[in-house]
Amino acid sequence: MRDVLEAIQKWRKEGKRVALATVVKAEGSAPRREGARLAISEDGEMAGSVSGGCVETDVMYQALDVLKSGEPRLLRYAITDDMVWEVGLACGGTIEVWVEPLPEASAEPEFPQEEKP
């Protein structure tokens, strides 16, 4: 988590806008649990992880759209036989990821405490 916060602070000092992606629901054998985070700068730089690499690239593109529109969105990633060629989780689990633009640098992000299993 510290690497995510440090990256956000660095990007903000550079005057970049930042989006934050957070796993809000994880089912089955999902690679990351609720509370996992990925920060994305307006330049596509990333810090953290929401899936261990399975969907980070798609989340980054979605986050760039969120930064353009200013509207947060909920993403859902899973895998079925019909989704073989789409972005999904090969592990068979399902995750829902909330992507939101962070406020400007004048306000520091506050992260709720992660739940421990």
Protein backbone atom coordinates (compact mmCIF):
# COMPACT_ATOMS: atom_id res chain seq x y z
CA MET A 1 0.00 0.00 0.00
CA ARG A 2 2.87 2.34 0.77
CA ASP A 3 4.12 2.15 -2.83
CA VAL A 4 0.69 3.23 -4.08
CA LEU A 5 0.56 6.25 -1.77
CA GLU A 6 4.15 7.24 -2.59
CA ALA A 7 3.41 7.04 -6.34
CA ILE A 8 0.26 9.16 -5.93
CA GLN A 9 2.21 11.79 -4.01
CA LYS A 10 4.99 11.82 -6.62
CA TRP A 11 2.60 12.14 -9.56
CA ARG A 12 0.67 14.92 -7.84
CA LYS A 13 3.90 16.85 -7.20
CA GLU A 14 4.52 16.54 -10.94
CA GLY A 15 1.08 18.06 -11.56
CA LYS A 16 -0.47 14.85 -12.92
CA ARG A 17 -4.05 13.74 -12.43
CA VAL A 18 -4.49 10.35 -10.77
CA ALA A 19 -7.15 7.65 -10.73
CA LEU A 20 -7.46 4.97 -8.06
CA ALA A 21 -8.78 1.46 -8.74
CA THR A 22 -9.93 -0.57 -5.72
CA VAL A 23 -11.12 -4.17 -5.56
CA VAL A 24 -14.53 -3.87 -3.90
CA LYS A 25 -15.66 -7.47 -4.34
CA ALA A 26 -13.72 -10.70 -4.87
CA GLU A 27 -15.22 -14.14 -5.31
CA GLY A 28 -13.72 -17.56 -5.84
CA SER A 29 -10.02 -17.90 -6.55
CA ALA A 30 -9.47 -14.21 -7.31
CA PRO A 31 -5.79 -13.22 -7.14
CA ARG A 32 -6.41 -10.14 -4.94
CA ARG A 33 -8.96 -9.57 -2.21
CA GLU A 34 -11.13 -6.59 -1.31
CA GLY A 35 -9.10 -3.48 -0.63
CA ALA A 36 -6.33 -4.17 -3.16
CA ARG A 37 -5.47 -0.97 -5.02
CA LEU A 38 -3.90 0.21 -8.25
CA ALA A 39 -3.06 3.88 -8.83
CA ILE A 40 -2.85 5.16 -12.41
CA SER A 41 -1.42 8.50 -13.52
CA GLU A 42 -2.76 10.41 -16.50
CA ASP A 43 0.38 9.21 -18.35
CA GLY A 44 -0.53 5.55 -17.78
CA GLU A 45 2.01 4.96 -15.01
CA MET A 46 0.83 2.32 -12.53
CA ALA A 47 1.58 1.44 -8.91
CA GLY A 48 0.00 -1.42 -6.99
CA SER A 49 -2.16 -4.26 -8.26
CA VAL A 50 -5.78 -5.34 -8.42
CA SER A 51 -5.27 -8.76 -10.03
CA GLY A 52 -1.64 -9.76 -10.04
CA GLY A 53 -1.33 -8.77 -13.70
CA CYS A 54 -4.39 -10.40 -15.30
CA VAL A 55 -6.43 -7.24 -15.92
CA GLU A 56 -4.16 -4.32 -14.98
CA THR A 57 -3.79 -3.11 -18.57
CA ASP A 58 -7.55 -2.95 -19.10
CA VAL A 59 -8.02 -1.23 -15.73
CA MET A 60 -5.39 1.32 -16.79
CA TYR A 61 -7.27 2.11 -20.03
CA GLN A 62 -10.54 2.36 -18.10
CA ALA A 63 -8.86 4.66 -15.56
CA LEU A 64 -7.62 6.95 -18.33
CA ASP A 65 -11.22 7.22 -19.57
CA VAL A 66 -12.35 7.98 -16.00
CA LEU A 67 -9.78 10.77 -15.80
CA LYS A 68 -11.07 12.23 -19.08
CA SER A 69 -14.74 12.05 -18.12
CA GLY A 70 -14.43 12.65 -14.39
CA GLU A 71 -17.02 9.90 -13.87
CA PRO A 72 -16.13 6.86 -11.73
CA ARG A 73 -17.09 3.39 -12.89
CA LEU A 74 -17.46 -0.15 -11.63
CA LEU A 75 -15.66 -2.85 -13.63
CA ARG A 76 -16.27 -6.59 -13.41
CA TYR A 77 -13.76 -9.23 -14.45
CA ALA A 78 -14.41 -12.95 -14.59
CA ILE A 79 -13.88 -15.81 -17.01
CA THR A 80 -16.32 -18.10 -18.77
CA ASP A 81 -16.01 -20.38 -21.80
CA ASP A 82 -17.51 -17.57 -23.91
CA MET A 83 -14.83 -15.11 -22.79
CA VAL A 84 -11.71 -16.95 -23.96
CA TRP A 85 -10.50 -14.02 -26.09
CA GLU A 86 -11.61 -11.21 -23.78
CA VAL A 87 -9.95 -9.67 -20.74
CA GLY A 88 -10.72 -11.77 -17.69
CA LEU A 89 -9.31 -13.75 -14.82
CA ALA A 90 -7.78 -17.06 -15.85
CA CYS A 91 -7.90 -18.20 -12.21
CA GLY A 92 -11.66 -18.67 -12.42
CA GLY A 93 -12.46 -16.03 -9.82
CA THR A 94 -14.40 -12.80 -10.16
CA ILE A 95 -13.46 -9.30 -9.08
CA GLU A 96 -15.28 -6.00 -9.14
CA VAL A 97 -13.08 -2.94 -9.33
CA TRP A 98 -14.20 0.62 -8.52
CA VAL A 99 -12.23 3.19 -10.53
CA GLU A 100 -12.42 6.83 -9.46
CA PRO A 101 -10.54 10.03 -10.17
CA LEU A 102 -8.76 11.33 -7.10
CA PRO A 103 -9.29 14.92 -6.02
CA GLU A 104 -6.63 17.44 -6.96
CA ALA A 105 -3.37 17.50 -5.03
CA SER A 106 -4.71 19.85 -2.35
CA ALA A 107 -6.38 16.89 -0.64
CA GLU A 108 -4.40 13.81 0.33
CA PRO A 109 -6.12 10.47 -0.33
CA GLU A 110 -7.35 8.59 2.69
CA PHE A 111 -7.31 4.82 2.54
CA PRO A 112 -9.56 2.83 4.84
CA GLN A 113 -7.81 0.12 6.79
CA GLU A 114 -7.57 -3.15 4.87
CA GLU A 115 -9.40 -6.08 6.34
CA LYS A 116 -7.16 -8.97 7.27
CA PRO A 117 -8.37 -12.49 6.48
